[in-house]
Amino acid sequence: MPTSLAFLIVLLVSTVNSLDLNDIKKIKTNPTTISTTTLLTTTTPEYVTFTIVDPGAMLIDCPGGCPTGWQYLNSKCYKKFDAAVTYAGATSACAAQGAELVTIDSFDENDALRKAFDTNALVDETKETWIGLKSLSGAWQWADGSSATYTNWAPSQPSSNGLCVQMITDSLSNATYKYQRGGWKTYGCGKTSASYICEKGASA
């Protein structure tokens, strides 16, 4: 072996032997890490609360299903007529339209009528709306002959003020019934109300 090569081998071996084993491990397990810092701009989160409210049943226009000016819900057509009439007058007027004073069988139906015909006015009871409910021999009966299985009486109702029934479609100025839209109250059958609601079956 040439002298120069033997000298290089001896030098290499002695260098390796001089390295501390822990230093070798550090080299293997701790590679150089380059740290970078990113400037983040943060703001205080702002939250907006949304409340989704189911509007419930609503009357809709239904061309072909209901005559012009009438509104549809669950196979029936409805229309509110603004005319000062007695209960009997309202009954006759509906009959002339091929209809009857409205029969209300559920909360959804009552609420849909309230929403459709509420003008957001503050009125007295002469401005309210006849519906087809009437007391006959002490029992509440609808204009179509059916018994009342659903009612929506306003506070302190029914009372002895009458045997026929109005729906409060507008807020009454009377404090007892204020903001009771959709509620029902008794009223003298021979007195006049400002409006009435008729209903008839929708066309197939």
N, C-alpha and C. Protein backbone atom coordinates (compact mmCIF):
# COMPACT_ATOMS: atom_id res chain seq x y z
N MET A 1 0.85 -1.18 0.00
CA MET A 1 0.00 0.00 0.00
C MET A 1 0.89 1.23 0.00
N PRO A 2 0.59 2.18 -0.89
CA PRO A 2 1.42 3.39 -0.93
C PRO A 2 1.35 4.12 0.39
N THR A 3 2.41 4.81 0.69
CA THR A 3 2.50 5.51 1.98
C THR A 3 1.45 6.58 2.13
N SER A 4 1.15 7.32 1.04
CA SER A 4 0.16 8.41 1.10
C SER A 4 -1.23 7.89 1.39
N LEU A 5 -1.62 6.77 0.78
CA LEU A 5 -2.96 6.19 0.99
C LEU A 5 -3.09 5.70 2.41
N ALA A 6 -2.03 5.04 2.94
CA ALA A 6 -2.08 4.54 4.32
C ALA A 6 -2.25 5.70 5.28
N PHE A 7 -1.60 6.84 4.97
CA PHE A 7 -1.70 8.00 5.84
C PHE A 7 -3.13 8.53 5.89
N LEU A 8 -3.86 8.56 4.73
CA LEU A 8 -5.24 9.06 4.66
C LEU A 8 -6.19 8.17 5.43
N ILE A 9 -5.99 6.86 5.36
CA ILE A 9 -6.86 5.92 6.07
C ILE A 9 -6.71 6.11 7.56
N VAL A 10 -5.49 6.24 8.03
CA VAL A 10 -5.25 6.43 9.46
C VAL A 10 -5.89 7.72 9.93
N LEU A 11 -5.80 8.79 9.11
CA LEU A 11 -6.38 10.09 9.47
C LEU A 11 -7.89 10.02 9.58
N LEU A 12 -8.54 9.31 8.64
CA LEU A 12 -10.00 9.18 8.62
C LEU A 12 -10.49 8.44 9.84
N VAL A 13 -9.80 7.31 10.18
CA VAL A 13 -10.20 6.50 11.34
C VAL A 13 -10.07 7.30 12.61
N SER A 14 -9.01 8.03 12.74
CA SER A 14 -8.79 8.80 13.97
C SER A 14 -9.81 9.92 14.10
N THR A 15 -10.27 10.48 12.99
CA THR A 15 -11.27 11.56 13.03
C THR A 15 -12.60 11.03 13.50
N VAL A 16 -12.99 9.87 12.94
CA VAL A 16 -14.25 9.25 13.34
C VAL A 16 -14.22 8.90 14.81
N ASN A 17 -13.12 8.34 15.27
CA ASN A 17 -13.01 7.94 16.67
C ASN A 17 -13.09 9.14 17.61
N SER A 18 -12.68 10.30 17.08
CA SER A 18 -12.68 11.48 17.94
C SER A 18 -14.07 12.12 18.09
N LEU A 19 -15.01 11.73 17.25
CA LEU A 19 -16.38 12.28 17.33
C LEU A 19 -17.11 11.68 18.50
N ASP A 20 -17.82 12.50 19.23
CA ASP A 20 -18.64 12.02 20.34
C ASP A 20 -19.92 11.39 19.76
N LEU A 21 -20.26 10.20 20.27
CA LEU A 21 -21.43 9.50 19.75
C LEU A 21 -22.69 10.34 19.88
N ASN A 22 -22.86 11.07 20.95
CA ASN A 22 -24.03 11.94 21.14
C ASN A 22 -24.12 13.02 20.08
N ASP A 23 -22.96 13.52 19.65
CA ASP A 23 -22.97 14.52 18.59
C ASP A 23 -23.50 13.95 17.29
N ILE A 24 -23.13 12.68 17.04
CA ILE A 24 -23.63 12.02 15.82
C ILE A 24 -25.14 11.88 15.89
N LYS A 25 -25.66 11.48 17.07
CA LYS A 25 -27.11 11.34 17.23
C LYS A 25 -27.81 12.67 17.04
N LYS A 26 -27.19 13.73 17.56
CA LYS A 26 -27.81 15.05 17.41
C LYS A 26 -27.90 15.45 15.95
N ILE A 27 -26.87 15.13 15.23
CA ILE A 27 -26.88 15.46 13.80
C ILE A 27 -27.99 14.73 13.08
N LYS A 28 -28.22 13.46 13.45
CA LYS A 28 -29.23 12.66 12.78
C LYS A 28 -30.65 13.07 13.18
N THR A 29 -30.82 13.35 14.45
CA THR A 29 -32.20 13.55 14.93
C THR A 29 -32.62 15.00 15.05
N ASN A 30 -31.72 15.93 14.94
CA ASN A 30 -32.05 17.35 15.08
C ASN A 30 -31.58 18.14 13.86
N PRO A 31 -32.20 17.89 12.75
CA PRO A 31 -31.81 18.66 11.57
C PRO A 31 -32.15 20.13 11.79
N THR A 32 -31.50 20.94 11.06
CA THR A 32 -31.71 22.38 11.20
C THR A 32 -33.14 22.74 10.81
N THR A 33 -33.79 23.54 11.64
CA THR A 33 -35.15 23.97 11.36
C THR A 33 -35.16 25.47 11.13
N ILE A 34 -35.79 25.88 10.05
CA ILE A 34 -35.90 27.31 9.76
C ILE A 34 -37.28 27.77 10.21
N SER A 35 -37.32 28.64 11.15
CA SER A 35 -38.59 29.13 11.68
C SER A 35 -39.01 30.39 10.95
N THR A 36 -40.30 30.45 10.62
CA THR A 36 -40.84 31.64 10.00
C THR A 36 -42.05 32.10 10.80
N THR A 37 -42.26 33.34 10.83
CA THR A 37 -43.39 33.91 11.55
C THR A 37 -44.29 34.62 10.56
N THR A 38 -45.61 34.23 10.56
CA THR A 38 -46.57 34.87 9.67
C THR A 38 -47.42 35.84 10.47
N LEU A 39 -47.49 37.06 10.02
CA LEU A 39 -48.29 38.07 10.72
C LEU A 39 -49.76 37.87 10.37
N LEU A 40 -50.57 37.55 11.35
CA LEU A 40 -52.00 37.33 11.15
C LEU A 40 -52.77 38.52 11.69
N THR A 41 -53.66 39.03 10.89
CA THR A 41 -54.51 40.13 11.33
C THR A 41 -55.84 39.54 11.78
N THR A 42 -56.20 39.71 13.03
CA THR A 42 -57.43 39.13 13.56
C THR A 42 -58.36 40.24 14.03
N THR A 43 -59.66 39.96 13.95
CA THR A 43 -60.68 40.90 14.47
C THR A 43 -61.60 40.12 15.38
N THR A 44 -62.29 40.82 16.22
CA THR A 44 -63.25 40.18 17.12
C THR A 44 -64.42 39.65 16.30
N PRO A 45 -64.77 38.37 16.43
CA PRO A 45 -65.89 37.81 15.64
C PRO A 45 -67.19 38.54 15.98
N GLU A 46 -67.99 38.76 14.96
CA GLU A 46 -69.31 39.37 15.16
C GLU A 46 -70.36 38.35 14.75
N TYR A 47 -71.32 38.14 15.61
CA TYR A 47 -72.33 37.13 15.36
C TYR A 47 -73.67 37.80 15.10
N VAL A 48 -74.37 37.34 14.09
CA VAL A 48 -75.71 37.83 13.79
C VAL A 48 -76.68 36.69 14.01
N THR A 49 -77.68 36.93 14.82
CA THR A 49 -78.66 35.89 15.12
C THR A 49 -79.86 36.02 14.19
N PHE A 50 -80.19 34.94 13.55
CA PHE A 50 -81.35 34.89 12.67
C PHE A 50 -82.41 34.01 13.30
N THR A 51 -83.63 34.47 13.31
CA THR A 51 -84.75 33.67 13.78
C THR A 51 -85.64 33.36 12.59
N ILE A 52 -85.77 32.09 12.29
CA ILE A 52 -86.61 31.68 11.18
C ILE A 52 -87.97 31.28 11.73
N VAL A 53 -88.97 31.99 11.30
CA VAL A 53 -90.30 31.77 11.82
C VAL A 53 -91.18 31.15 10.73
N ASP A 54 -91.77 30.04 11.07
CA ASP A 54 -92.72 29.41 10.15
C ASP A 54 -93.98 30.26 10.09
N PRO A 55 -94.33 30.79 8.92
CA PRO A 55 -95.50 31.67 8.84
C PRO A 55 -96.82 30.93 9.01
N GLY A 56 -96.79 29.60 8.98
CA GLY A 56 -98.03 28.84 9.13
C GLY A 56 -98.86 28.85 7.87
N ALA A 57 -100.09 28.39 8.01
CA ALA A 57 -101.00 28.32 6.86
C ALA A 57 -101.33 29.72 6.37
N MET A 58 -101.46 29.85 5.05
CA MET A 58 -101.79 31.14 4.47
C MET A 58 -102.74 30.95 3.30
N LEU A 59 -103.65 31.90 3.14
CA LEU A 59 -104.51 31.89 1.96
C LEU A 59 -103.69 32.31 0.76
N ILE A 60 -103.98 31.73 -0.39
CA ILE A 60 -103.26 32.09 -1.61
C ILE A 60 -104.25 32.28 -2.75
N ASP A 61 -103.82 33.03 -3.75
CA ASP A 61 -104.61 33.13 -4.97
C ASP A 61 -104.48 31.82 -5.73
N CYS A 62 -105.59 31.39 -6.31
CA CYS A 62 -105.57 30.10 -7.02
C CYS A 62 -106.45 30.21 -8.26
N PRO A 63 -105.93 30.85 -9.31
CA PRO A 63 -106.71 30.98 -10.54
C PRO A 63 -107.14 29.62 -11.06
N GLY A 64 -108.39 29.48 -11.38
CA GLY A 64 -108.93 28.21 -11.85
C GLY A 64 -109.51 27.39 -10.72
N GLY A 65 -108.96 27.56 -9.52
CA GLY A 65 -109.49 26.85 -8.36
C GLY A 65 -110.51 27.67 -7.62
N CYS A 66 -110.28 28.99 -7.57
CA CYS A 66 -111.19 29.92 -6.90
C CYS A 66 -111.54 31.05 -7.86
N PRO A 67 -112.74 31.60 -7.73
CA PRO A 67 -113.11 32.75 -8.57
C PRO A 67 -112.18 33.93 -8.30
N THR A 68 -112.14 34.85 -9.24
CA THR A 68 -111.32 36.05 -9.07
C THR A 68 -111.72 36.80 -7.80
N GLY A 69 -110.72 37.16 -7.01
CA GLY A 69 -110.97 37.88 -5.77
C GLY A 69 -111.12 36.99 -4.56
N TRP A 70 -111.23 35.68 -4.78
CA TRP A 70 -111.31 34.72 -3.68
C TRP A 70 -109.92 34.13 -3.47
N GLN A 71 -109.69 33.60 -2.26
CA GLN A 71 -108.39 33.01 -1.94
C GLN A 71 -108.57 31.57 -1.46
N TYR A 72 -107.51 30.79 -1.68
CA TYR A 72 -107.58 29.34 -1.50
C TYR A 72 -106.83 28.86 -0.27
N LEU A 73 -107.41 27.84 0.38
CA LEU A 73 -106.71 27.07 1.43
C LEU A 73 -107.43 25.74 1.60
N ASN A 74 -106.69 24.65 1.47
CA ASN A 74 -107.21 23.31 1.75
C ASN A 74 -108.57 23.03 1.10
N SER A 75 -108.61 23.19 -0.20
CA SER A 75 -109.79 22.85 -1.02
C SER A 75 -110.98 23.77 -0.79
N LYS A 76 -110.76 24.92 -0.16
CA LYS A 76 -111.83 25.90 0.03
C LYS A 76 -111.40 27.24 -0.52
N CYS A 77 -112.41 28.03 -0.89
CA CYS A 77 -112.18 29.40 -1.34
C CYS A 77 -112.84 30.36 -0.35
N TYR A 78 -112.15 31.47 -0.06
CA TYR A 78 -112.63 32.42 0.93
C TYR A 78 -112.62 33.84 0.36
N LYS A 79 -113.58 34.63 0.84
CA LYS A 79 -113.56 36.05 0.48
C LYS A 79 -114.21 36.85 1.60
N LYS A 80 -113.58 37.95 1.94
CA LYS A 80 -114.13 38.88 2.94
C LYS A 80 -114.81 40.02 2.19
N PHE A 81 -116.06 40.24 2.54
CA PHE A 81 -116.83 41.32 1.92
C PHE A 81 -117.01 42.45 2.93
N ASP A 82 -116.70 43.64 2.50
CA ASP A 82 -116.85 44.80 3.36
C ASP A 82 -118.21 45.44 3.10
N ALA A 83 -119.14 45.10 3.96
CA ALA A 83 -120.50 45.64 3.88
C ALA A 83 -121.13 45.53 5.25
N ALA A 84 -121.77 46.59 5.68
CA ALA A 84 -122.40 46.61 7.01
C ALA A 84 -123.73 45.88 6.95
N VAL A 85 -123.76 44.66 7.50
CA VAL A 85 -124.96 43.84 7.45
C VAL A 85 -125.15 43.12 8.78
N THR A 86 -126.36 42.64 9.01
CA THR A 86 -126.62 41.79 10.16
C THR A 86 -126.14 40.37 9.86
N TYR A 87 -126.22 39.50 10.86
CA TYR A 87 -125.82 38.11 10.65
C TYR A 87 -126.69 37.49 9.55
N ALA A 88 -127.98 37.74 9.60
CA ALA A 88 -128.88 37.19 8.57
C ALA A 88 -128.55 37.77 7.20
N GLY A 89 -128.21 39.05 7.18
CA GLY A 89 -127.83 39.68 5.91
C GLY A 89 -126.57 39.08 5.34
N ALA A 90 -125.61 38.77 6.22
CA ALA A 90 -124.37 38.15 5.76
C ALA A 90 -124.63 36.74 5.23
N THR A 91 -125.52 36.02 5.92
CA THR A 91 -125.87 34.67 5.48
C THR A 91 -126.46 34.70 4.08
N SER A 92 -127.40 35.64 3.85
CA SER A 92 -128.04 35.77 2.53
C SER A 92 -127.04 36.20 1.47
N ALA A 93 -126.16 37.11 1.82
CA ALA A 93 -125.18 37.61 0.86
C ALA A 93 -124.23 36.49 0.42
N CYS A 94 -123.82 35.66 1.36
CA CYS A 94 -122.96 34.53 1.00
C CYS A 94 -123.70 33.55 0.09
N ALA A 95 -124.96 33.29 0.43
CA ALA A 95 -125.76 32.37 -0.39
C ALA A 95 -125.88 32.87 -1.83
N ALA A 96 -125.96 34.18 -1.99
CA ALA A 96 -126.04 34.76 -3.34
C ALA A 96 -124.74 34.55 -4.12
N GLN A 97 -123.66 34.27 -3.40
CA GLN A 97 -122.37 33.99 -4.03
C GLN A 97 -122.14 32.49 -4.23
N GLY A 98 -123.20 31.70 -3.94
CA GLY A 98 -123.03 30.25 -4.01
C GLY A 98 -122.15 29.75 -2.88
N ALA A 99 -122.19 30.46 -1.73
CA ALA A 99 -121.29 30.14 -0.61
C ALA A 99 -122.07 30.18 0.70
N GLU A 100 -121.35 30.00 1.79
CA GLU A 100 -121.91 30.09 3.14
C GLU A 100 -121.01 30.95 4.00
N LEU A 101 -121.55 31.49 5.09
CA LEU A 101 -120.68 32.12 6.07
C LEU A 101 -119.63 31.10 6.52
N VAL A 102 -118.43 31.55 6.72
CA VAL A 102 -117.29 30.66 6.91
C VAL A 102 -117.46 29.75 8.14
N THR A 103 -117.08 28.49 7.95
CA THR A 103 -116.93 27.52 9.04
C THR A 103 -115.45 27.34 9.29
N ILE A 104 -115.02 27.48 10.54
CA ILE A 104 -113.60 27.41 10.88
C ILE A 104 -113.36 26.18 11.74
N ASP A 105 -112.59 25.25 11.23
CA ASP A 105 -112.42 23.95 11.89
C ASP A 105 -111.08 23.75 12.59
N SER A 106 -110.15 24.70 12.46
CA SER A 106 -108.83 24.47 13.03
C SER A 106 -108.11 25.78 13.30
N PHE A 107 -107.06 25.68 14.11
CA PHE A 107 -106.23 26.86 14.37
C PHE A 107 -105.60 27.36 13.07
N ASP A 108 -105.09 26.46 12.24
CA ASP A 108 -104.44 26.88 10.99
C ASP A 108 -105.39 27.66 10.11
N GLU A 109 -106.63 27.20 10.00
CA GLU A 109 -107.60 27.89 9.17
C GLU A 109 -107.91 29.27 9.76
N ASN A 110 -108.11 29.32 11.06
CA ASN A 110 -108.42 30.59 11.72
C ASN A 110 -107.26 31.58 11.56
N ASP A 111 -106.04 31.08 11.74
CA ASP A 111 -104.87 31.95 11.65
C ASP A 111 -104.66 32.46 10.23
N ALA A 112 -104.93 31.61 9.25
CA ALA A 112 -104.80 32.03 7.86
C ALA A 112 -105.80 33.14 7.54
N LEU A 113 -107.02 33.03 8.04
CA LEU A 113 -108.02 34.06 7.82
C LEU A 113 -107.61 35.37 8.51
N ARG A 114 -107.12 35.24 9.71
CA ARG A 114 -106.67 36.44 10.44
C ARG A 114 -105.60 37.17 9.66
N LYS A 115 -104.60 36.44 9.19
CA LYS A 115 -103.50 37.07 8.48
C LYS A 115 -103.95 37.69 7.16
N ALA A 116 -104.89 37.03 6.51
CA ALA A 116 -105.33 37.51 5.21
C ALA A 116 -106.16 38.79 5.31
N PHE A 117 -106.93 38.93 6.39
CA PHE A 117 -107.91 40.01 6.45
C PHE A 117 -107.65 41.05 7.52
N ASP A 118 -106.55 40.95 8.23
CA ASP A 118 -106.19 41.95 9.23
C ASP A 118 -105.66 43.20 8.54
N THR A 119 -106.28 44.35 8.80
CA THR A 119 -105.82 45.60 8.19
C THR A 119 -104.97 46.41 9.15
N ASN A 120 -104.70 45.87 10.32
CA ASN A 120 -103.87 46.53 11.32
C ASN A 120 -104.46 47.85 11.81
N ALA A 121 -105.79 47.92 11.77
CA ALA A 121 -106.47 49.11 12.25
C ALA A 121 -106.95 48.91 13.68
N LEU A 122 -107.27 50.00 14.35
CA LEU A 122 -107.83 49.96 15.70
C LEU A 122 -109.27 50.45 15.59
N VAL A 123 -110.22 49.55 15.83
CA VAL A 123 -111.62 49.85 15.53
C VAL A 123 -112.52 49.49 16.71
N ASP A 124 -113.81 49.83 16.58
CA ASP A 124 -114.78 49.37 17.56
C ASP A 124 -115.46 48.13 17.02
N GLU A 125 -116.31 47.51 17.85
CA GLU A 125 -116.84 46.19 17.48
C GLU A 125 -117.80 46.22 16.29
N THR A 126 -118.29 47.38 15.91
CA THR A 126 -119.16 47.44 14.72
C THR A 126 -118.35 47.22 13.44
N LYS A 127 -117.01 47.27 13.55
CA LYS A 127 -116.14 47.14 12.37
C LYS A 127 -115.56 45.74 12.22
N GLU A 128 -116.02 44.81 13.05
CA GLU A 128 -115.47 43.47 12.98
C GLU A 128 -116.20 42.61 11.95
N THR A 129 -115.92 41.31 11.94
CA THR A 129 -116.31 40.45 10.82
C THR A 129 -117.16 39.26 11.26
N TRP A 130 -118.30 39.10 10.62
CA TRP A 130 -119.14 37.94 10.91
C TRP A 130 -118.48 36.66 10.42
N ILE A 131 -118.55 35.62 11.26
CA ILE A 131 -118.24 34.26 10.82
C ILE A 131 -119.51 33.43 11.02
N GLY A 132 -119.51 32.19 10.58
CA GLY A 132 -120.75 31.43 10.51
C GLY A 132 -121.19 30.72 11.78
N LEU A 133 -120.70 31.14 12.94
CA LEU A 133 -121.02 30.47 14.19
C LEU A 133 -122.18 31.17 14.91
N LYS A 134 -123.09 30.35 15.43
CA LYS A 134 -124.28 30.89 16.09
C LYS A 134 -124.73 29.92 17.19
N SER A 135 -125.28 30.46 18.27
CA SER A 135 -125.79 29.62 19.35
C SER A 135 -127.24 29.25 19.04
N LEU A 136 -127.50 27.94 18.98
CA LEU A 136 -128.84 27.43 18.74
C LEU A 136 -129.19 26.47 19.87
N SER A 137 -130.19 26.83 20.64
CA SER A 137 -130.63 26.01 21.79
C SER A 137 -129.47 25.71 22.74
N GLY A 138 -128.60 26.71 22.92
CA GLY A 138 -127.50 26.56 23.85
C GLY A 138 -126.27 25.86 23.32
N ALA A 139 -126.30 25.47 22.05
CA ALA A 139 -125.15 24.79 21.44
C ALA A 139 -124.62 25.64 20.28
N TRP A 140 -123.31 25.68 20.16
CA TRP A 140 -122.70 26.45 19.08
C TRP A 140 -122.67 25.63 17.80
N GLN A 141 -123.25 26.23 16.75
CA GLN A 141 -123.39 25.51 15.48
C GLN A 141 -122.99 26.42 14.33
N TRP A 142 -122.34 25.79 13.35
CA TRP A 142 -121.90 26.54 12.17
C TRP A 142 -123.02 26.67 11.14
N ALA A 143 -122.85 27.60 10.22
CA ALA A 143 -123.85 27.86 9.19
C ALA A 143 -124.08 26.65 8.30
N ASP A 144 -123.07 25.77 8.20
CA ASP A 144 -123.25 24.56 7.37
C ASP A 144 -123.93 23.43 8.14
N GLY A 145 -124.33 23.71 9.39
CA GLY A 145 -125.05 22.73 10.19
C GLY A 145 -124.18 21.89 11.11
N SER A 146 -122.87 22.02 11.01
CA SER A 146 -121.97 21.22 11.84
C SER A 146 -121.77 21.86 13.22
N SER A 147 -121.46 21.02 14.19
CA SER A 147 -121.20 21.50 15.54
C SER A 147 -119.77 22.05 15.63
N ALA A 148 -119.56 22.97 16.54
CA ALA A 148 -118.24 23.57 16.70
C ALA A 148 -117.32 22.63 17.49
N THR A 149 -116.32 22.11 16.82
CA THR A 149 -115.33 21.26 17.49
C THR A 149 -114.05 22.03 17.78
N TYR A 150 -113.89 23.18 17.12
CA TYR A 150 -112.76 24.07 17.38
C TYR A 150 -113.32 25.45 17.66
N THR A 151 -112.79 26.13 18.67
CA THR A 151 -113.18 27.51 18.95
C THR A 151 -111.93 28.32 19.30
N ASN A 152 -112.04 29.63 19.15
CA ASN A 152 -110.92 30.51 19.48
C ASN A 152 -111.46 31.78 20.16
N TRP A 153 -112.10 31.57 21.30
CA TRP A 153 -112.73 32.68 22.01
C TRP A 153 -111.69 33.66 22.54
N ALA A 154 -112.00 34.95 22.41
CA ALA A 154 -111.19 36.01 23.02
C ALA A 154 -111.42 35.98 24.53
N PRO A 155 -110.60 36.70 25.31
CA PRO A 155 -110.80 36.75 26.76
C PRO A 155 -112.23 37.15 27.13
N SER A 156 -112.77 36.50 28.15
CA SER A 156 -114.12 36.76 28.68
C SER A 156 -115.23 36.37 27.70
N GLN A 157 -114.91 35.53 26.76
CA GLN A 157 -115.89 35.07 25.78
C GLN A 157 -116.05 33.55 25.85
N PRO A 158 -117.20 33.02 25.42
CA PRO A 158 -118.38 33.75 24.93
C PRO A 158 -119.12 34.45 26.07
N SER A 159 -119.79 35.53 25.73
CA SER A 159 -120.53 36.29 26.73
C SER A 159 -122.02 36.27 26.39
N SER A 160 -122.78 36.98 27.18
CA SER A 160 -124.24 37.03 26.96
C SER A 160 -124.64 38.21 26.07
N ASN A 161 -123.66 38.79 25.38
CA ASN A 161 -123.94 39.97 24.55
C ASN A 161 -124.63 39.63 23.24
N GLY A 162 -124.72 38.38 22.90
CA GLY A 162 -125.36 38.01 21.64
C GLY A 162 -125.20 36.53 21.37
N LEU A 163 -125.91 36.07 20.36
CA LEU A 163 -125.90 34.65 20.02
C LEU A 163 -125.13 34.37 18.73
N CYS A 164 -124.71 35.42 18.06
CA CYS A 164 -123.92 35.24 16.84
C CYS A 164 -122.47 35.64 17.12
N VAL A 165 -121.57 35.32 16.20
CA VAL A 165 -120.14 35.44 16.50
C VAL A 165 -119.39 36.24 15.44
N GLN A 166 -118.54 37.13 15.93
CA GLN A 166 -117.62 37.88 15.09
C GLN A 166 -116.20 37.37 15.29
N MET A 167 -115.40 37.48 14.23
CA MET A 167 -113.95 37.32 14.38
C MET A 167 -113.36 38.72 14.51
N ILE A 168 -112.42 38.87 15.44
CA ILE A 168 -111.73 40.14 15.59
C ILE A 168 -110.61 40.18 14.55
N THR A 169 -110.91 40.72 13.39
CA THR A 169 -109.91 40.79 12.33
C THR A 169 -109.05 42.03 12.46
N ASP A 170 -109.53 43.03 13.20
CA ASP A 170 -108.74 44.21 13.52
C ASP A 170 -108.76 44.40 15.03
N SER A 171 -107.78 45.09 15.56
CA SER A 171 -107.72 45.29 17.00
C SER A 171 -108.90 46.15 17.46
N LEU A 172 -109.55 45.68 18.50
CA LEU A 172 -110.64 46.45 19.07
C LEU A 172 -110.11 47.53 20.00
N SER A 173 -110.73 48.70 19.96
CA SER A 173 -110.33 49.77 20.85
C SER A 173 -110.70 49.46 22.30
N ASN A 174 -111.68 48.55 22.47
CA ASN A 174 -112.03 48.08 23.82
C ASN A 174 -110.82 47.38 24.42
N ALA A 175 -110.39 47.84 25.61
CA ALA A 175 -109.15 47.34 26.20
C ALA A 175 -109.16 45.83 26.43
N THR A 176 -110.34 45.26 26.70
CA THR A 176 -110.43 43.82 26.96
C THR A 176 -109.99 43.01 25.76
N TYR A 177 -110.28 43.50 24.55
CA TYR A 177 -110.02 42.73 23.34
C TYR A 177 -108.90 43.31 22.50
N LYS A 178 -108.18 44.30 23.04
CA LYS A 178 -107.14 44.93 22.26
C LYS A 178 -106.05 43.91 21.91
N TYR A 179 -105.65 43.93 20.67
CA TYR A 179 -104.60 43.04 20.17
C TYR A 179 -104.99 41.56 20.24
N GLN A 180 -106.27 41.29 20.18
CA GLN A 180 -106.73 39.90 20.18
C GLN A 180 -107.16 39.48 18.77
N ARG A 181 -106.40 39.89 17.78
CA ARG A 181 -106.75 39.56 16.40
C ARG A 181 -106.88 38.05 16.23
N GLY A 182 -107.94 37.67 15.55
CA GLY A 182 -108.19 36.25 15.33
C GLY A 182 -109.08 35.65 16.39
N GLY A 183 -109.27 36.34 17.51
CA GLY A 183 -110.16 35.85 18.56
C GLY A 183 -111.62 36.03 18.16
N TRP A 184 -112.49 35.31 18.83
CA TRP A 184 -113.92 35.38 18.54
C TRP A 184 -114.66 36.00 19.71
N LYS A 185 -115.74 36.68 19.40
CA LYS A 185 -116.59 37.26 20.43
C LYS A 185 -118.05 37.22 19.99
N THR A 186 -118.92 37.09 20.95
CA THR A 186 -120.35 37.09 20.64
C THR A 186 -120.82 38.52 20.33
N TYR A 187 -121.88 38.60 19.55
CA TYR A 187 -122.43 39.90 19.14
C TYR A 187 -123.89 39.69 18.78
N GLY A 188 -124.69 40.70 19.00
CA GLY A 188 -126.10 40.57 18.70
C GLY A 188 -126.36 40.28 17.22
N CYS A 189 -127.13 39.25 16.96
CA CYS A 189 -127.36 38.84 15.56
C CYS A 189 -128.04 39.94 14.74
N GLY A 190 -128.83 40.76 15.41
CA GLY A 190 -129.54 41.82 14.68
C GLY A 190 -128.74 43.09 14.52
N LYS A 191 -127.55 43.14 15.09
CA LYS A 191 -126.68 44.30 14.92
C LYS A 191 -125.87 44.15 13.64
N THR A 192 -125.29 45.25 13.20
CA THR A 192 -124.50 45.17 11.97
C THR A 192 -123.01 45.11 12.26
N SER A 193 -122.36 44.28 11.53
CA SER A 193 -120.89 44.25 11.50
C SER A 193 -120.44 44.79 10.16
N ALA A 194 -119.21 45.27 10.11
CA ALA A 194 -118.74 45.95 8.91
C ALA A 194 -118.38 45.00 7.77
N SER A 195 -118.24 43.70 8.08
CA SER A 195 -117.81 42.76 7.05
C SER A 195 -118.20 41.33 7.41
N TYR A 196 -117.99 40.43 6.48
CA TYR A 196 -118.29 39.02 6.70
C TYR A 196 -117.42 38.20 5.76
N ILE A 197 -117.17 36.95 6.16
CA ILE A 197 -116.33 36.06 5.35
C ILE A 197 -117.18 34.92 4.83
N CYS A 198 -117.15 34.73 3.52
CA CYS A 198 -117.85 33.61 2.88
C CYS A 198 -116.84 32.55 2.45
N GLU A 199 -117.33 31.32 2.38
CA GLU A 199 -116.48 30.24 1.87
C GLU A 199 -117.29 29.32 0.97
N LYS A 200 -116.58 28.71 0.03
CA LYS A 200 -117.18 27.67 -0.81
C LYS A 200 -116.09 26.74 -1.29
N GLY A 201 -116.51 25.59 -1.79
CA GLY A 201 -115.53 24.60 -2.24
C GLY A 201 -114.79 25.07 -3.47
N ALA A 202 -113.52 24.70 -3.53
CA ALA A 202 -112.71 25.05 -4.69
C ALA A 202 -113.04 24.13 -5.85
N SER A 203 -112.80 24.62 -7.05
CA SER A 203 -113.01 23.80 -8.24
C SER A 203 -111.94 22.72 -8.30
N ALA A 204 -112.31 21.58 -8.81
CA ALA A 204 -111.36 20.47 -8.90
C ALA A 204 -110.28 20.79 -9.92
